[in-house]
Amino acid sequence: MTANLRSPVWSQLMQIPLITVDDSLIYPRELQVFIHPQQCIHGFPGPVRDEQNVSGWWLLDGGSILPVLALDLNDDDIVLDMCASPGGKSLLITQTGKFASLVCNDNKLSRLGQLRRALAMYIPAGSEAASRVILKRKDASSVESWDECGLYDKVLLDAPCTSDRLSALQDVNNIFATDRTTERLDLPQKQTKMLINALRSVRVGGSVVYSTCTLAPTQNELVVENAVVLAQQHYGIKFVERSLKRMEKLMERTGLYRFSDQQQRGTLVLPYIVSNFGPMFICKLQRIV
């Protein structure tokens, strides 16, 4: 079945309510995350390699650990990282050790090569962890060709977005450049297609975590509501939202995170001067039918 994703469905949103239920959070003891000392403005050094030539750390935004925590991974989970390159969240998943297999997907050969190199730097070849990681090249935005339906217990979709922090700091290849206007305007539709495919990929009882690094509601909660409506209408699959309020409270206690209090869906990490993490939007959906 092919979904018509070009016509607006805003008027239909209230016809299929997305119910929110509480969720729990368990921090995997294997996950080791460190931060730069506060008030330190020096650059972070490159990773040191050990005697096995494995790199010692991966530099990433502090908000990036939250989508992985939201997955609530278990030892027997079959996991899909749908847009895995450059590989930071895939490496976080592998560090937890809580998965039976991890499928890392990306569409472009260049990005898949980048992902392969990143995994090789941090996961020793021939190791038990490496044997559970699979790389795939599929177009996550193609509803017509997507054939990974009902295969996974957990799906992470860290969707391409306007990447607000990079857009504010970098001029090269900026998505707000004039020659990328069409690409930028098409992002919500592309994200919706990707999320529909993520929803199709998870088994009943399994969970999808959708994340972006933008503040824009049109790429965040509106994409979630659109995708849930269209997935139910075209594929008969139903979801509830799992509340991430407990995760918010636990992370706020560290003094490192600030969250928006205006969210109707999901949670949103707001950058602030004390610990400049984010932006990072996260929404967790569980399949019930």
Protein backbone atom coordinates (compact mmCIF):
# COMPACT_ATOMS: atom_id res chain seq x y z
CA MET A 1 0.00 0.00 0.00
CA THR A 2 1.26 3.47 -0.86
CA ALA A 3 0.49 6.36 1.49
CA ASN A 4 -0.39 9.76 0.06
CA LEU A 5 1.81 12.03 2.15
CA ARG A 6 1.51 15.22 0.13
CA SER A 7 -1.91 16.43 1.27
CA PRO A 8 -2.15 18.09 4.72
CA VAL A 9 -3.83 16.08 7.46
CA TRP A 10 -3.98 18.74 10.19
CA SER A 11 -7.80 18.55 10.32
CA GLN A 12 -7.62 14.80 10.95
CA LEU A 13 -5.23 14.89 13.91
CA MET A 14 -7.90 14.92 16.59
CA GLN A 15 -9.74 12.00 14.96
CA ILE A 16 -7.01 9.60 16.09
CA PRO A 17 -5.84 10.76 19.54
CA LEU A 18 -2.33 9.82 20.60
CA ILE A 19 -2.63 8.72 24.22
CA THR A 20 0.31 9.33 26.57
CA VAL A 21 1.29 6.78 29.23
CA ASP A 22 4.11 6.85 31.79
CA ASP A 23 7.48 5.35 30.99
CA SER A 24 10.37 4.18 33.16
CA LEU A 25 14.10 4.82 32.85
CA ILE A 26 16.98 2.50 33.70
CA TYR A 27 20.49 3.84 33.14
CA PRO A 28 22.70 1.02 31.78
CA ARG A 29 25.72 0.64 34.06
CA GLU A 30 27.89 -0.17 31.03
CA LEU A 31 27.24 3.26 29.49
CA GLN A 32 30.11 5.59 30.39
CA VAL A 33 29.59 9.28 29.64
CA PHE A 34 31.90 12.10 30.71
CA ILE A 35 31.63 15.87 30.33
CA HIS A 36 34.14 18.67 29.87
CA PRO A 37 34.68 20.60 33.14
CA GLN A 38 32.26 23.48 33.46
CA GLN A 39 33.59 26.92 32.53
CA CYS A 40 36.38 25.29 30.51
CA ILE A 41 36.60 26.83 27.04
CA HIS A 42 39.50 24.78 25.71
CA GLY A 43 39.07 22.47 22.74
CA PHE A 44 38.50 18.80 23.46
CA PRO A 45 41.48 16.57 22.54
CA GLY A 46 41.22 13.84 19.96
CA PRO A 47 40.72 10.26 21.15
CA VAL A 48 43.67 8.19 22.32
CA ARG A 49 43.96 4.65 20.95
CA ASP A 50 44.76 1.66 23.13
CA GLU A 51 47.03 -1.31 22.42
CA GLN A 52 44.31 -2.82 20.22
CA ASN A 53 44.13 0.42 18.21
CA VAL A 54 40.64 1.11 19.58
CA SER A 55 39.77 4.76 20.16
CA GLY A 56 39.10 5.75 23.76
CA TRP A 57 36.20 8.21 23.37
CA TRP A 58 33.72 9.77 20.96
CA LEU A 59 32.88 13.45 21.22
CA LEU A 60 29.14 14.18 20.99
CA ASP A 61 26.49 16.58 22.24
CA GLY A 62 25.26 15.75 25.74
CA GLY A 63 21.69 15.69 24.45
CA SER A 64 22.54 12.76 22.17
CA ILE A 65 22.56 10.21 24.98
CA LEU A 66 18.88 10.81 25.75
CA PRO A 67 17.36 9.09 22.66
CA VAL A 68 19.44 6.00 23.47
CA LEU A 69 18.32 6.05 27.12
CA ALA A 70 14.72 6.46 25.96
CA LEU A 71 14.98 3.19 24.01
CA ASP A 72 15.14 1.31 27.36
CA LEU A 73 17.23 -1.45 25.81
CA ASN A 74 17.09 -5.10 26.87
CA ASP A 75 19.58 -7.91 26.29
CA ASP A 76 17.40 -9.70 23.73
CA ASP A 77 16.32 -6.65 21.70
CA ILE A 78 16.70 -6.56 17.94
CA VAL A 79 17.45 -2.89 17.31
CA LEU A 80 17.38 -0.69 14.21
CA ASP A 81 19.29 2.59 14.03
CA MET A 82 17.50 3.92 10.98
CA CYS A 83 19.73 6.89 10.06
CA ALA A 84 22.89 5.72 11.78
CA SER A 85 25.69 7.81 10.26
CA PRO A 86 27.99 9.29 11.53
CA GLY A 87 27.61 6.63 14.24
CA GLY A 88 27.53 8.31 17.66
CA LYS A 89 24.21 6.85 18.79
CA SER A 90 25.06 3.42 17.35
CA LEU A 91 28.23 3.44 19.43
CA LEU A 92 26.25 4.39 22.54
CA ILE A 93 23.94 1.43 21.88
CA THR A 94 26.88 -0.96 21.46
CA GLN A 95 28.48 0.33 24.66
CA THR A 96 25.40 -0.63 26.66
CA GLY A 97 25.71 -4.19 25.36
CA LYS A 98 21.94 -4.50 25.69
CA PHE A 99 20.92 -5.88 22.31
CA ALA A 100 20.85 -9.20 20.51
CA SER A 101 21.57 -7.53 17.18
CA LEU A 102 21.93 -3.94 16.00
CA VAL A 103 21.15 -2.99 12.41
CA CYS A 104 22.79 0.30 11.41
CA ASN A 105 21.18 1.73 8.29
CA ASP A 106 21.97 4.65 6.01
CA ASN A 107 21.15 5.42 2.41
CA LYS A 108 24.15 7.22 0.92
CA LEU A 109 27.32 5.25 0.21
CA SER A 110 29.48 8.08 1.55
CA ARG A 111 27.60 8.13 4.85
CA LEU A 112 27.65 4.34 5.09
CA GLY A 113 31.42 4.43 4.58
CA GLN A 114 31.74 7.05 7.31
CA LEU A 115 29.65 4.85 9.60
CA ARG A 116 31.72 1.76 8.82
CA ARG A 117 34.97 3.59 9.62
CA ALA A 118 33.57 4.97 12.87
CA LEU A 119 32.42 1.56 14.07
CA ALA A 120 35.81 0.05 13.14
CA MET A 121 37.60 2.69 15.25
CA TYR A 122 35.67 1.80 18.39
CA ILE A 123 34.60 -1.84 18.07
CA PRO A 124 37.48 -4.32 17.69
CA ALA A 125 37.23 -6.50 14.59
CA GLY A 126 36.30 -10.06 15.49
CA SER A 127 34.90 -9.07 18.88
CA GLU A 128 31.62 -10.43 20.20
CA ALA A 129 30.05 -6.96 19.91
CA ALA A 130 31.14 -6.62 16.28
CA SER A 131 29.45 -9.92 15.43
CA ARG A 132 26.09 -8.48 16.52
CA VAL A 133 26.30 -5.31 14.39
CA ILE A 134 24.91 -5.37 10.84
CA LEU A 135 25.17 -2.57 8.27
CA LYS A 136 22.42 -1.99 5.70
CA ARG A 137 21.91 0.51 2.91
CA LYS A 138 18.23 1.35 2.44
CA ASP A 139 16.28 4.54 1.78
CA ALA A 140 14.41 5.16 5.02
CA SER A 141 12.29 7.87 3.35
CA SER A 142 10.84 5.56 0.67
CA VAL A 143 7.46 4.28 1.82
CA GLU A 144 7.12 2.27 -1.39
CA SER A 145 10.38 0.29 -1.15
CA TRP A 146 10.72 -0.08 2.62
CA ASP A 147 10.64 -3.81 3.48
CA GLU A 148 11.82 -3.94 7.09
CA CYS A 149 8.30 -4.18 8.50
CA GLY A 150 7.65 -5.80 11.88
CA LEU A 151 11.23 -6.99 12.38
CA TYR A 152 12.45 -4.97 15.36
CA ASP A 153 11.88 -4.59 19.09
CA LYS A 154 13.37 -1.08 19.23
CA VAL A 155 13.83 1.49 16.45
CA LEU A 156 15.81 4.71 16.73
CA LEU A 157 15.09 7.37 14.10
CA ASP A 158 17.47 10.28 14.55
CA ALA A 159 16.04 12.10 11.56
CA PRO A 160 17.80 14.55 9.25
CA CYS A 161 16.73 18.07 10.21
CA THR A 162 17.82 21.69 10.04
CA SER A 163 20.46 20.94 12.72
CA ASP A 164 19.98 24.28 14.47
CA ARG A 165 23.35 24.41 16.23
CA LEU A 166 25.37 23.64 13.10
CA SER A 167 23.24 26.02 11.04
CA ALA A 168 24.01 28.81 13.50
CA LEU A 169 27.74 28.13 13.63
CA GLN A 170 28.75 26.96 10.14
CA ASP A 171 28.47 28.60 6.75
CA VAL A 172 29.73 25.69 4.65
CA ASN A 173 26.89 23.50 3.30
CA ASN A 174 24.39 25.34 5.50
CA ILE A 175 20.84 24.08 4.96
CA PHE A 176 19.57 27.67 5.10
CA ALA A 177 21.61 28.54 2.01
CA THR A 178 19.53 29.70 -0.96
CA ASP A 179 20.45 26.71 -3.10
CA ARG A 180 19.07 24.34 -0.43
CA THR A 181 15.69 26.03 0.04
CA THR A 182 13.70 23.21 -1.57
CA GLU A 183 15.53 20.59 0.48
CA ARG A 184 14.81 22.52 3.68
CA LEU A 185 11.13 23.02 2.90
CA ASP A 186 10.73 19.32 2.08
CA LEU A 187 12.20 18.18 5.41
CA PRO A 188 8.90 17.73 7.33
CA GLN A 189 7.49 15.53 4.57
CA LYS A 190 10.70 13.48 4.43
CA GLN A 191 10.75 13.13 8.21
CA THR A 192 7.12 12.02 8.21
CA LYS A 193 7.84 9.30 5.65
CA MET A 194 10.82 8.13 7.67
CA LEU A 195 8.81 7.99 10.88
CA ILE A 196 6.00 6.07 9.16
CA ASN A 197 8.60 3.52 8.06
CA ALA A 198 10.00 3.40 11.59
CA LEU A 199 6.50 2.73 12.94
CA ARG A 200 6.03 -0.02 10.35
CA SER A 201 9.36 -1.59 11.33
CA VAL A 202 8.60 -2.23 14.99
CA ARG A 203 6.76 -5.24 16.38
CA VAL A 204 3.64 -5.00 18.53
CA GLY A 205 4.84 -4.08 22.01
CA GLY A 206 8.05 -2.59 20.67
CA SER A 207 9.07 1.06 20.73
CA VAL A 208 10.18 3.78 18.32
CA VAL A 209 12.23 6.76 19.49
CA TYR A 210 12.11 9.76 17.14
CA SER A 211 14.70 12.50 17.64
CA THR A 212 15.97 15.65 15.95
CA CYS A 213 18.41 18.42 16.85
CA THR A 214 16.06 21.29 16.02
CA LEU A 215 13.65 23.48 17.98
CA ALA A 216 11.16 23.61 15.09
CA PRO A 217 7.71 22.14 15.97
CA THR A 218 7.09 21.45 12.27
CA GLN A 219 9.97 18.95 12.37
CA ASN A 220 9.18 17.62 15.83
CA GLU A 221 5.72 17.15 17.37
CA LEU A 222 3.82 17.85 14.13
CA VAL A 223 5.81 15.15 12.35
CA VAL A 224 4.98 12.73 15.17
CA GLU A 225 1.25 13.45 15.02
CA ASN A 226 1.13 13.30 11.22
CA ALA A 227 3.03 10.02 11.06
CA VAL A 228 0.88 8.33 13.72
CA VAL A 229 -2.32 9.36 11.91
CA LEU A 230 -1.09 8.22 8.50
CA ALA A 231 0.35 4.95 9.82
CA GLN A 232 -3.00 4.05 11.35
CA GLN A 233 -4.99 5.11 8.30
CA HIS A 234 -2.84 3.34 5.71
CA TYR A 235 -1.35 0.40 7.61
CA GLY A 236 -3.72 -0.21 10.54
CA ILE A 237 -0.98 0.11 13.16
CA LYS A 238 -1.62 1.99 16.40
CA PHE A 239 0.68 3.62 18.95
CA VAL A 240 0.69 5.32 22.32
CA GLU A 241 3.22 7.91 23.40
CA ARG A 242 5.45 6.91 26.31
CA SER A 243 5.99 9.90 28.58
CA LEU A 244 9.62 10.90 29.16
CA LYS A 245 8.88 13.06 32.22
CA ARG A 246 10.76 10.70 34.53
CA MET A 247 13.84 10.98 32.34
CA GLU A 248 13.50 14.77 32.41
CA LYS A 249 13.39 14.83 36.21
CA LEU A 250 16.38 12.53 36.60
CA MET A 251 18.47 14.50 34.13
CA GLU A 252 17.48 17.86 35.59
CA ARG A 253 18.84 16.72 38.96
CA THR A 254 22.32 16.54 37.44
CA GLY A 255 22.21 20.29 36.77
CA LEU A 256 23.37 19.62 33.22
CA TYR A 257 20.09 19.76 31.32
CA ARG A 258 17.27 22.21 30.84
CA PHE A 259 13.99 21.06 29.28
CA SER A 260 11.18 22.99 27.64
CA ASP A 261 7.97 23.24 29.67
CA GLN A 262 5.90 23.98 26.56
CA GLN A 263 5.93 20.54 24.94
CA GLN A 264 2.66 18.84 24.01
CA ARG A 265 4.54 15.83 22.61
CA GLY A 266 7.90 14.41 23.60
CA THR A 267 10.63 16.30 25.40
CA LEU A 268 12.97 19.05 24.23
CA VAL A 269 16.46 19.78 25.55
CA LEU A 270 17.11 23.53 25.47
CA PRO A 271 20.67 24.89 25.23
CA TYR A 272 21.66 27.18 28.07
CA ILE A 273 24.90 28.74 29.16
CA VAL A 274 25.69 26.46 32.13
CA SER A 275 25.79 23.27 30.04
CA ASN A 276 25.28 23.99 26.41
CA PHE A 277 23.58 20.75 25.31
CA GLY A 278 21.00 20.50 22.57
CA PRO A 279 18.68 21.34 21.10
CA MET A 280 17.42 17.77 21.11
CA PHE A 281 13.81 16.68 20.62
CA ILE A 282 12.88 13.14 21.68
CA CYS A 283 9.54 11.37 21.43
CA LYS A 284 8.92 7.71 22.31
CA LEU A 285 6.08 5.74 20.73
CA GLN A 286 5.00 2.18 21.59
CA ARG A 287 3.10 -0.02 19.15
CA ILE A 288 -0.09 -1.48 20.62
CA VAL A 289 -1.75 -2.94 17.47
